[in-house]
Protein backbone atom coordinates (compact mmCIF):
# COMPACT_ATOMS: atom_id res chain seq x y z
CA UNK A 1 -12.70 -38.64 -28.15
CA UNK A 2 -14.22 -35.59 -26.76
CA UNK A 3 -17.62 -34.31 -28.32
CA UNK A 4 -17.43 -30.74 -29.40
CA UNK A 5 -20.43 -28.35 -29.79
CA UNK A 6 -18.92 -26.26 -32.47
CA UNK A 7 -21.37 -23.47 -32.35
CA UNK A 8 -21.03 -23.17 -28.68
CA UNK A 9 -17.25 -23.19 -28.88
CA UNK A 10 -17.07 -20.57 -31.56
CA UNK A 11 -19.42 -18.33 -29.72
CA UNK A 12 -17.45 -18.71 -26.57
CA UNK A 13 -14.28 -17.58 -28.45
CA UNK A 14 -15.99 -14.59 -29.91
CA UNK A 15 -17.55 -13.49 -26.64
CA UNK A 16 -14.16 -13.49 -24.82
CA UNK A 17 -12.63 -11.34 -27.59
CA UNK A 18 -15.39 -8.77 -27.04
CA UNK A 19 -15.44 -7.73 -30.67
CA UNK A 20 -18.42 -6.55 -32.65
CA UNK A 21 -19.62 -6.05 -36.28
CA UNK A 22 -22.41 -3.72 -37.23
CA UNK A 23 -24.03 -2.54 -40.51
CA UNK A 24 -25.55 0.80 -40.80
CA UNK A 25 -28.36 1.41 -43.29
CA UNK A 26 -30.75 4.10 -44.40
CA UNK A 27 -34.05 3.61 -42.54
CA UNK A 28 -35.92 5.05 -45.61
CA UNK A 29 -35.35 1.97 -47.62
CA UNK A 30 -36.70 -1.55 -47.02
CA UNK A 31 -34.11 -3.96 -48.05
CA UNK A 32 -33.00 -7.00 -46.00
CA UNK A 33 -33.61 -5.65 -42.43
CA UNK A 34 -32.46 -8.05 -39.97
CA UNK A 35 -34.45 -9.49 -37.02
CA UNK A 36 -33.27 -10.81 -33.64
CA UNK A 37 -29.44 -11.12 -34.53
CA UNK A 38 -27.30 -9.34 -36.95
CA UNK A 39 -26.89 -11.22 -40.22
CA UNK A 40 -23.09 -10.80 -39.37
CA UNK A 41 -23.50 -13.38 -36.72
CA UNK A 42 -22.97 -15.97 -39.52
CA UNK A 43 -19.55 -14.49 -40.11
CA UNK A 44 -18.77 -14.31 -36.42
CA UNK A 45 -19.40 -17.85 -35.90
CA UNK A 46 -16.80 -18.85 -38.39
CA UNK A 47 -14.33 -16.36 -37.27
CA UNK A 48 -12.34 -18.39 -34.69
CA UNK A 49 -8.78 -19.02 -35.99
CA UNK A 50 -7.91 -22.47 -37.13
CA UNK A 51 -6.44 -24.48 -34.18
CA UNK A 52 -7.86 -22.11 -31.57
CA UNK A 53 -9.07 -23.90 -28.42
CA UNK A 54 -11.79 -22.48 -26.29
CA UNK A 55 -10.25 -24.24 -23.27
CA UNK A 56 -7.40 -21.63 -23.33
CA UNK A 57 -5.19 -19.77 -25.80
CA UNK A 58 -2.32 -22.28 -25.45
CA UNK A 59 -4.35 -25.62 -24.67
CA UNK A 60 -3.85 -28.29 -27.28
CA UNK A 61 -6.70 -29.38 -29.23
CA UNK A 62 -8.48 -32.47 -27.94
CA UNK A 63 -10.54 -33.47 -31.04
CA UNK A 64 -9.84 -34.30 -34.67
CA UNK A 65 -11.62 -33.53 -37.95
CA UNK A 66 -11.93 -36.37 -40.36
CA UNK A 67 -13.08 -35.91 -43.97
CA UNK A 68 -15.45 -38.57 -45.33
CA UNK A 69 -17.82 -38.87 -48.21
CA UNK A 70 -21.17 -40.28 -47.04
CA UNK A 71 -22.81 -40.38 -50.57
CA UNK A 72 -21.41 -39.86 -54.07
CA UNK A 73 -23.78 -39.30 -56.99
CA UNK A 74 -23.73 -37.13 -60.18
CA UNK A 75 -25.59 -37.67 -63.41
CA UNK A 76 -24.65 -34.47 -65.23
CA UNK A 77 -28.17 -33.13 -64.95
CA UNK A 78 -28.63 -32.83 -61.06
CA UNK A 79 -26.14 -32.54 -58.28
CA UNK A 80 -26.47 -32.87 -54.59
CA UNK A 81 -26.55 -29.57 -52.78
CA UNK A 82 -27.13 -27.97 -49.42
CA UNK A 83 -25.99 -30.89 -47.33
CA UNK A 84 -26.32 -29.84 -43.61
CA UNK A 85 -26.45 -31.88 -40.52
CA UNK A 86 -27.84 -31.78 -37.04
CA UNK A 87 -27.08 -34.17 -34.18
CA UNK A 88 -29.59 -35.78 -31.71
CA UNK A 89 -27.57 -36.49 -28.50
CA UNK A 90 -27.39 -40.11 -27.51
CA UNK A 91 -29.80 -40.89 -30.29
CA UNK A 92 -27.42 -43.36 -32.05
CA UNK A 93 -25.84 -46.70 -31.23
CA UNK A 94 -24.26 -47.16 -27.77
CA UNK A 95 -25.09 -43.66 -26.66
CA UNK A 96 -23.47 -41.86 -29.68
CA UNK A 97 -25.33 -39.06 -31.24
CA UNK A 98 -27.64 -39.77 -34.19
CA UNK A 99 -26.80 -37.44 -37.15
CA UNK A 100 -29.46 -36.32 -39.60
CA UNK A 101 -28.18 -34.71 -42.78
CA UNK A 102 -30.70 -32.93 -44.96
CA UNK A 103 -29.88 -32.48 -48.66
CA UNK A 104 -31.50 -31.73 -52.05
CA UNK A 105 -30.64 -31.79 -55.71
CA UNK A 106 -29.83 -28.76 -57.82
CA UNK A 107 -30.74 -28.65 -61.47
CA UNK A 108 -27.53 -27.53 -63.19
CA UNK A 109 -29.37 -25.97 -66.16
CA UNK A 110 -31.41 -23.59 -64.00
CA UNK A 111 -30.72 -20.85 -61.48
CA UNK A 112 -31.63 -21.91 -57.87
CA UNK A 113 -33.94 -24.78 -59.02
CA UNK A 114 -33.95 -27.36 -56.17
CA UNK A 115 -35.65 -30.66 -55.64
CA UNK A 116 -37.66 -32.03 -52.68
CA UNK A 117 -35.47 -32.43 -49.70
CA UNK A 118 -33.85 -35.74 -48.75
CA UNK A 119 -32.09 -36.83 -45.58
CA UNK A 120 -29.26 -39.24 -44.55
CA UNK A 121 -28.63 -40.70 -41.18
CA UNK A 122 -25.71 -42.18 -39.32
CA UNK A 123 -25.96 -43.77 -35.88
CA UNK A 124 -22.25 -44.55 -35.46
CA UNK A 125 -20.54 -41.22 -36.06
CA UNK A 126 -20.36 -41.59 -39.75
CA UNK A 127 -19.01 -45.25 -40.02
CA UNK A 128 -22.19 -46.07 -42.08
CA UNK A 129 -24.92 -43.87 -43.54
CA UNK A 130 -28.57 -44.72 -44.61
CA UNK A 131 -30.23 -42.79 -47.52
CA UNK A 132 -30.59 -40.41 -49.10
CA UNK A 133 -34.29 -40.81 -48.63
CA UNK A 134 -36.65 -38.31 -50.16
CA UNK A 135 -39.02 -36.66 -47.70
CA UNK A 136 -42.27 -35.57 -49.32
CA UNK A 137 -43.13 -33.69 -46.02
CA UNK A 138 -40.23 -31.38 -47.08
CA UNK A 139 -41.34 -31.19 -50.72
CA UNK A 140 -43.10 -28.94 -53.31
CA UNK A 141 -46.60 -27.84 -52.96
CA UNK A 142 -48.72 -26.78 -55.98
CA UNK A 143 -49.85 -23.12 -56.07
CA UNK A 144 -51.31 -22.86 -59.44
CA UNK A 145 -50.93 -24.02 -63.13
CA UNK A 146 -47.34 -25.21 -63.54
CA UNK A 147 -46.49 -23.30 -60.31
CA UNK A 148 -45.02 -24.78 -57.12
CA UNK A 149 -43.50 -23.63 -53.86
CA UNK A 150 -40.70 -25.59 -52.13
CA UNK A 151 -38.10 -24.98 -49.50
CA UNK A 152 -34.34 -24.59 -49.58
CA UNK A 153 -31.26 -23.56 -47.56
CA UNK A 154 -32.66 -25.91 -44.95
CA UNK A 155 -30.47 -26.19 -41.76
CA UNK A 156 -31.18 -28.54 -38.94
CA UNK A 157 -30.03 -28.12 -35.28
CA UNK A 158 -30.77 -29.50 -31.84
CA UNK A 159 -33.09 -27.56 -29.55
CA UNK A 160 -32.14 -28.84 -25.99
CA UNK A 161 -34.98 -27.55 -23.82
CA UNK A 162 -37.69 -29.26 -25.96
CA UNK A 163 -35.46 -32.31 -26.85
CA UNK A 164 -36.19 -31.82 -30.64
CA UNK A 165 -34.33 -31.54 -33.76
CA UNK A 166 -35.57 -28.38 -35.57
CA UNK A 167 -34.67 -27.05 -39.03
CA UNK A 168 -35.09 -23.68 -40.61
CA UNK A 169 -34.91 -22.38 -44.16
CA UNK A 170 -37.02 -20.40 -46.55
CA UNK A 171 -39.58 -21.03 -49.41
CA UNK A 172 -38.71 -20.69 -53.02
CA UNK A 173 -41.33 -20.39 -55.88
CA UNK A 174 -41.13 -21.90 -59.30
CA UNK A 175 -43.03 -21.36 -62.59
CA UNK A 176 -42.54 -23.75 -65.52
CA UNK A 177 -39.55 -25.40 -63.87
CA UNK A 178 -37.77 -22.08 -63.33
CA UNK A 179 -37.60 -19.51 -60.58
CA UNK A 180 -40.85 -17.47 -60.53
CA UNK A 181 -40.43 -13.92 -61.83
CA UNK A 182 -39.95 -10.98 -59.45
CA UNK A 183 -41.65 -9.90 -57.29
CA UNK A 184 -41.29 -13.40 -55.86
CA UNK A 185 -42.73 -13.96 -52.47
CA UNK A 186 -40.58 -15.88 -49.93
CA UNK A 187 -41.32 -17.01 -46.41
CA UNK A 188 -39.39 -18.34 -43.33
CA UNK A 189 -39.90 -22.16 -43.21
CA UNK A 190 -39.33 -24.71 -40.49
CA UNK A 191 -39.85 -28.33 -39.58
CA UNK A 192 -39.56 -30.62 -36.64
CA UNK A 193 -38.01 -34.05 -36.82
CA UNK A 194 -39.77 -36.98 -35.11
CA UNK A 195 -36.95 -39.02 -33.65
CA UNK A 196 -39.01 -42.05 -32.95
CA UNK A 197 -40.77 -42.20 -36.46
CA UNK A 198 -37.52 -40.98 -38.18
CA UNK A 199 -39.47 -38.61 -40.17
CA UNK A 200 -40.20 -34.86 -40.62
CA UNK A 201 -43.28 -33.01 -39.98
CA UNK A 202 -44.74 -31.12 -43.02
CA UNK A 203 -42.96 -27.81 -43.29
CA UNK A 204 -44.68 -24.73 -42.08
CA UNK A 205 -44.08 -20.89 -42.30
CA UNK A 206 -43.67 -18.30 -39.70
CA UNK A 207 -46.53 -15.76 -39.55
CA UNK A 208 -45.20 -12.27 -39.82
CA UNK A 209 -47.15 -9.07 -38.89
CA UNK A 210 -47.09 -7.14 -42.20
CA UNK A 211 -47.27 -9.11 -45.50
CA UNK A 212 -46.16 -6.11 -47.52
CA UNK A 213 -43.10 -5.26 -45.35
CA UNK A 214 -42.08 -8.93 -44.93
CA UNK A 215 -43.02 -9.88 -48.46
CA UNK A 216 -39.68 -11.70 -49.03
CA UNK A 217 -38.46 -13.12 -45.74
CA UNK A 218 -36.16 -16.02 -45.05
CA UNK A 219 -33.81 -17.80 -42.49
CA UNK A 220 -31.78 -19.79 -44.97
CA UNK A 221 -28.44 -21.38 -43.79
CA UNK A 222 -29.08 -19.81 -40.31
CA UNK A 223 -27.40 -20.55 -37.04
CA UNK A 224 -29.40 -19.66 -33.97
CA UNK A 225 -29.07 -19.25 -30.14
CA UNK A 226 -31.22 -21.02 -27.59
CA UNK A 227 -32.14 -18.83 -24.59
CA UNK A 228 -32.30 -20.59 -21.10
CA UNK A 229 -36.09 -20.45 -21.23
CA UNK A 230 -36.00 -22.24 -24.71
CA UNK A 231 -36.57 -19.11 -26.68
CA UNK A 232 -34.87 -19.19 -30.09
CA UNK A 233 -33.04 -16.21 -31.53
CA UNK A 234 -32.95 -16.78 -35.26
CA UNK A 235 -31.27 -14.57 -37.78
CA UNK A 236 -33.63 -13.68 -40.52
CA UNK A 237 -33.61 -11.28 -43.54
CA UNK A 238 -36.50 -9.49 -45.39
CA UNK A 239 -37.48 -6.88 -47.82
CA UNK A 240 -40.59 -5.40 -49.10
CA UNK A 241 -42.49 -6.02 -52.37
CA UNK A 242 -40.88 -3.06 -54.15
CA UNK A 243 -37.27 -3.77 -54.86
CA UNK A 244 -35.07 -0.65 -54.19
CA UNK A 245 -31.87 -2.52 -53.26
CA UNK A 246 -29.62 -0.28 -55.39
CA UNK A 247 -30.04 2.98 -53.39
CA UNK A 248 -29.44 4.36 -49.95
CA UNK A 249 -27.28 1.74 -48.29
CA UNK A 250 -23.77 2.16 -46.89
CA UNK A 251 -21.56 -0.28 -44.86
CA UNK A 252 -19.59 1.21 -42.05
CA UNK A 253 -16.61 -0.69 -40.57
CA UNK A 254 -16.44 -0.44 -36.82
CA UNK A 255 -13.46 -2.50 -35.78
CA UNK A 256 -10.78 -4.75 -37.08
CA UNK A 257 -9.09 -6.96 -34.52
CA UNK A 258 -5.44 -8.28 -34.82
CA UNK A 259 -5.26 -12.03 -35.21
CA UNK A 260 -4.03 -13.96 -32.08
CA UNK A 261 -1.92 -16.22 -34.10
CA UNK A 262 -1.02 -16.99 -37.68
CA UNK A 263 -3.73 -18.77 -39.68
């Protein structure tokens, strides 16, 4: 069965259609300005109609999607959340990809309170999984009395030019087992997977030029583009320390395309 790079396939469909989405905003405000790629890219990547083949409008699909449950666990207090997978080409058994899925637990009684990250792995295209294994390198760090910072919305993906599995997300700050009060600083977080050691490097944050302007910045749940020279174009969002989100923003619709087939 043919392997499909879904991100590449969806981007290919979008580029052939030649459509665009844009958001206009008042430059006097500082809410959630976007770097590198429009945040709308996340919508674009999911916009290909069901059953659409990038090989041609009328070409039959040459792959299948099968729904499996790699892990089931719920204790009424915590539930697994943010399960996202990245593949290492030919890293599994008999030349198949190794798939690494990061995940973390959410405390149901609190808003956005997430545990240390764990991961699971399959080397046989999902027939068997190992884990979840808690990864302290992707865990909380103490910042003060009853205060910690962790990471969430972590999303792994393959970076071909370096031959590495990377992951991006953002930090989240807690105080007394709850979200820290606003203004709450947030940073773009990332880590690199060690394929031989089957472990993650301790997470780091991206240095940004102006702490006041980029007081709350993140790249959670992101999908990125790799340039031919290996440069990554990663969509991120940010806002300044003062929260003026309620004023001065309008959205403008630029184009609506007709669907190519019912879906």
